[in-house]
Amino acid sequence: MAVTAKVLAQGQIIPNTDTTVYTSPTSVTTIIDKATAANYGNVARIITISIVPAGGVVGDAYYIAKRTLAAKETYIFPEVVGQIMSAGDYVSAIADSNTGVNFRLSGREIT
């Protein structure tokens, strides 16, 4: 068994449609250690994060975190930290606007 700590998604601008930001690779279990969103815009933005099982489709059943970020606010999502993902599971994010929010996800991949 090998454990690799790594950045899972970086510099990802969250758009206003559900967007996959990370998919756990084949034969890998992923543990999320940190999920951070930064609203660099001048107005508040609503961010929603989902963890969807392999073969699933983003929807209400998989939303795990929703937060309004004030202008210039950075937030670490405690609801995402420690989540375990199987091969093919994916993280999806959506914002209420196409601009203004960056996202970074880091964790460990176990093979």
C-alpha atoms as a PDB file:
ATOM      1  CA  MET A   1       0.000   0.000   0.000  1.00  0.00           C
ATOM      2  CA  ALA A   2       1.293   3.442  -0.949  1.00  0.00           C
ATOM      3  CA  VAL A   3      -0.038   6.757   0.345  1.00  0.00           C
ATOM      4  CA  THR A   4       0.599   9.868  -1.752  1.00  0.00           C
ATOM      5  CA  ALA A   5      -0.242  13.304  -0.370  1.00  0.00           C
ATOM      6  CA  LYS A   6      -1.097  15.651  -3.209  1.00  0.00           C
ATOM      7  CA  VAL A   7      -3.048  18.595  -4.521  1.00  0.00           C
ATOM      8  CA  LEU A   8      -6.241  17.149  -6.015  1.00  0.00           C
ATOM      9  CA  ALA A   9      -7.544  20.384  -7.592  1.00  0.00           C
ATOM     10  CA  GLN A  10      -5.771  23.716  -7.778  1.00  0.00           C
ATOM     11  CA  GLY A  11      -6.573  27.122  -9.217  1.00  0.00           C
ATOM     12  CA  GLN A  12     -10.004  25.825 -10.132  1.00  0.00           C
ATOM     13  CA  ILE A  13     -12.462  28.648 -10.795  1.00  0.00           C
ATOM     14  CA  ILE A  14     -15.898  27.441  -9.771  1.00  0.00           C
ATOM     15  CA  PRO A  15     -18.476  28.165 -12.504  1.00  0.00           C
ATOM     16  CA  ASN A  16     -22.254  28.465 -12.199  1.00  0.00           C
ATOM     17  CA  THR A  17     -22.846  24.911 -13.410  1.00  0.00           C
ATOM     18  CA  ASP A  18     -21.982  21.739 -11.503  1.00  0.00           C
ATOM     19  CA  THR A  19     -18.382  21.004 -12.462  1.00  0.00           C
ATOM     20  CA  THR A  20     -16.230  18.014 -11.586  1.00  0.00           C
ATOM     21  CA  VAL A  21     -13.076  19.280  -9.870  1.00  0.00           C
ATOM     22  CA  TYR A  22     -11.599  15.878  -8.941  1.00  0.00           C
ATOM     23  CA  THR A  23     -12.254  12.200  -9.670  1.00  0.00           C
ATOM     24  CA  SER A  24     -10.655   9.446  -7.598  1.00  0.00           C
ATOM     25  CA  PRO A  25      -8.602   7.341 -10.055  1.00  0.00           C
ATOM     26  CA  THR A  26      -9.017   3.633 -10.786  1.00  0.00           C
ATOM     27  CA  SER A  27      -7.761   1.394  -7.957  1.00  0.00           C
ATOM     28  CA  VAL A  28      -7.357   4.401  -5.632  1.00  0.00           C
ATOM     29  CA  THR A  29      -9.025   5.377  -2.371  1.00  0.00           C
ATOM     30  CA  THR A  30      -8.842   9.120  -1.723  1.00  0.00           C
ATOM     31  CA  ILE A  31      -9.066  10.914   1.617  1.00  0.00           C
ATOM     32  CA  ILE A  32      -9.731  14.651   1.454  1.00  0.00           C
ATOM     33  CA  ASP A  33      -7.589  16.645   3.869  1.00  0.00           C
ATOM     34  CA  LYS A  34      -8.554  20.208   2.944  1.00  0.00           C
ATOM     35  CA  ALA A  35     -11.037  22.028   0.718  1.00  0.00           C
ATOM     36  CA  THR A  36     -10.650  25.785   0.429  1.00  0.00           C
ATOM     37  CA  ALA A  37     -12.638  28.367  -1.520  1.00  0.00           C
ATOM     38  CA  ALA A  38     -11.609  32.001  -1.903  1.00  0.00           C
ATOM     39  CA  ASN A  39     -14.022  34.668  -3.098  1.00  0.00           C
ATOM     40  CA  TYR A  40     -11.757  37.283  -4.642  1.00  0.00           C
ATOM     41  CA  GLY A  41     -14.711  39.269  -5.996  1.00  0.00           C
ATOM     42  CA  ASN A  42     -16.499  42.296  -4.583  1.00  0.00           C
ATOM     43  CA  VAL A  43     -19.863  40.618  -3.939  1.00  0.00           C
ATOM     44  CA  ALA A  44     -20.936  37.579  -1.911  1.00  0.00           C
ATOM     45  CA  ARG A  45     -21.044  34.209  -3.709  1.00  0.00           C
ATOM     46  CA  ILE A  46     -22.835  30.963  -2.805  1.00  0.00           C
ATOM     47  CA  ILE A  47     -20.727  27.804  -3.163  1.00  0.00           C
ATOM     48  CA  THR A  48     -22.087  24.243  -3.083  1.00  0.00           C
ATOM     49  CA  ILE A  49     -19.896  21.125  -2.976  1.00  0.00           C
ATOM     50  CA  SER A  50     -20.957  17.535  -3.694  1.00  0.00           C
ATOM     51  CA  ILE A  51     -19.248  14.176  -3.392  1.00  0.00           C
ATOM     52  CA  VAL A  52     -20.852  11.826  -5.886  1.00  0.00           C
ATOM     53  CA  PRO A  53     -20.346   8.046  -6.038  1.00  0.00           C
ATOM     54  CA  ALA A  54     -18.984   6.465  -9.215  1.00  0.00           C
ATOM     55  CA  GLY A  55     -21.720   6.334 -11.832  1.00  0.00           C
ATOM     56  CA  GLY A  56     -23.887   8.804  -9.905  1.00  0.00           C
ATOM     57  CA  VAL A  57     -25.199  12.178 -11.031  1.00  0.00           C
ATOM     58  CA  VAL A  58     -24.928  15.395  -9.022  1.00  0.00           C
ATOM     59  CA  GLY A  59     -28.155  16.082  -7.152  1.00  0.00           C
ATOM     60  CA  ASP A  60     -29.668  16.828  -3.782  1.00  0.00           C
ATOM     61  CA  ALA A  61     -28.656  13.445  -2.359  1.00  0.00           C
ATOM     62  CA  TYR A  62     -24.938  14.242  -2.755  1.00  0.00           C
ATOM     63  CA  TYR A  63     -24.695  17.902  -1.705  1.00  0.00           C
ATOM     64  CA  ILE A  64     -22.530  17.947   1.435  1.00  0.00           C
ATOM     65  CA  ALA A  65     -21.622  21.617   1.890  1.00  0.00           C
ATOM     66  CA  LYS A  66     -23.162  24.961   1.019  1.00  0.00           C
ATOM     67  CA  ARG A  67     -21.785  28.308   2.093  1.00  0.00           C
ATOM     68  CA  THR A  68     -22.182  31.979   1.245  1.00  0.00           C
ATOM     69  CA  LEU A  69     -18.749  33.570   1.021  1.00  0.00           C
ATOM     70  CA  ALA A  70     -18.603  37.293   1.655  1.00  0.00           C
ATOM     71  CA  ALA A  71     -16.587  39.454  -0.728  1.00  0.00           C
ATOM     72  CA  LYS A  72     -12.851  38.740  -0.254  1.00  0.00           C
ATOM     73  CA  GLU A  73     -13.572  35.858   2.154  1.00  0.00           C
ATOM     74  CA  THR A  74     -11.630  32.584   2.227  1.00  0.00           C
ATOM     75  CA  TYR A  75     -13.253  29.522   3.772  1.00  0.00           C
ATOM     76  CA  ILE A  76     -12.112  25.991   4.626  1.00  0.00           C
ATOM     77  CA  PHE A  77     -14.996  23.507   4.365  1.00  0.00           C
ATOM     78  CA  PRO A  78     -14.940  21.267   7.477  1.00  0.00           C
ATOM     79  CA  GLU A  79     -17.797  19.209   5.991  1.00  0.00           C
ATOM     80  CA  VAL A  80     -15.470  18.018   3.210  1.00  0.00           C
ATOM     81  CA  VAL A  81     -12.381  17.320   5.332  1.00  0.00           C
ATOM     82  CA  GLY A  82     -11.977  13.624   6.158  1.00  0.00           C
ATOM     83  CA  GLN A  83     -14.358  12.389   3.458  1.00  0.00           C
ATOM     84  CA  ILE A  84     -13.293   9.063   1.937  1.00  0.00           C
ATOM     85  CA  MET A  85     -13.766   8.457  -1.771  1.00  0.00           C
ATOM     86  CA  SER A  86     -13.622   5.178  -3.670  1.00  0.00           C
ATOM     87  CA  ALA A  87     -12.344   4.783  -7.224  1.00  0.00           C
ATOM     88  CA  GLY A  88     -14.572   6.732  -9.620  1.00  0.00           C
ATOM     89  CA  ASP A  89     -16.193   8.897  -6.951  1.00  0.00           C
ATOM     90  CA  TYR A  90     -15.922  12.592  -7.732  1.00  0.00           C
ATOM     91  CA  VAL A  91     -16.085  16.050  -6.170  1.00  0.00           C
ATOM     92  CA  SER A  92     -18.308  18.558  -7.902  1.00  0.00           C
ATOM     93  CA  ALA A  93     -18.667  22.268  -7.130  1.00  0.00           C
ATOM     94  CA  ILE A  94     -20.976  25.056  -8.254  1.00  0.00           C
ATOM     95  CA  ALA A  95     -21.115  28.789  -7.562  1.00  0.00           C
ATOM     96  CA  ASP A  96     -23.889  31.272  -8.203  1.00  0.00           C
ATOM     97  CA  SER A  97     -21.683  33.128 -10.712  1.00  0.00           C
ATOM     98  CA  ASN A  98     -19.035  32.216 -13.289  1.00  0.00           C
ATOM     99  CA  THR A  99     -16.426  34.483 -11.750  1.00  0.00           C
ATOM    100  CA  GLY A 100     -14.918  35.345  -8.430  1.00  0.00           C
ATOM    101  CA  VAL A 101     -14.307  32.048  -6.624  1.00  0.00           C
ATOM    102  CA  ASN A 102     -11.174  29.880  -6.655  1.00  0.00           C
ATOM    103  CA  PHE A 103     -11.107  26.353  -5.236  1.00  0.00           C
ATOM    104  CA  ARG A 104      -8.311  24.118  -3.994  1.00  0.00           C
ATOM    105  CA  LEU A 105      -8.599  20.536  -2.824  1.00  0.00           C
ATOM    106  CA  SER A 106      -5.823  18.477  -1.258  1.00  0.00           C
ATOM    107  CA  GLY A 107      -5.644  15.017   0.192  1.00  0.00           C
ATOM    108  CA  ARG A 108      -4.143  11.545   0.053  1.00  0.00           C
ATOM    109  CA  GLU A 109      -4.433   8.893  -2.622  1.00  0.00           C
ATOM    110  CA  ILE A 110      -4.017   5.336  -1.352  1.00  0.00           C
ATOM    111  CA  THR A 111      -3.095   2.537  -3.758  1.00  0.00           C
END
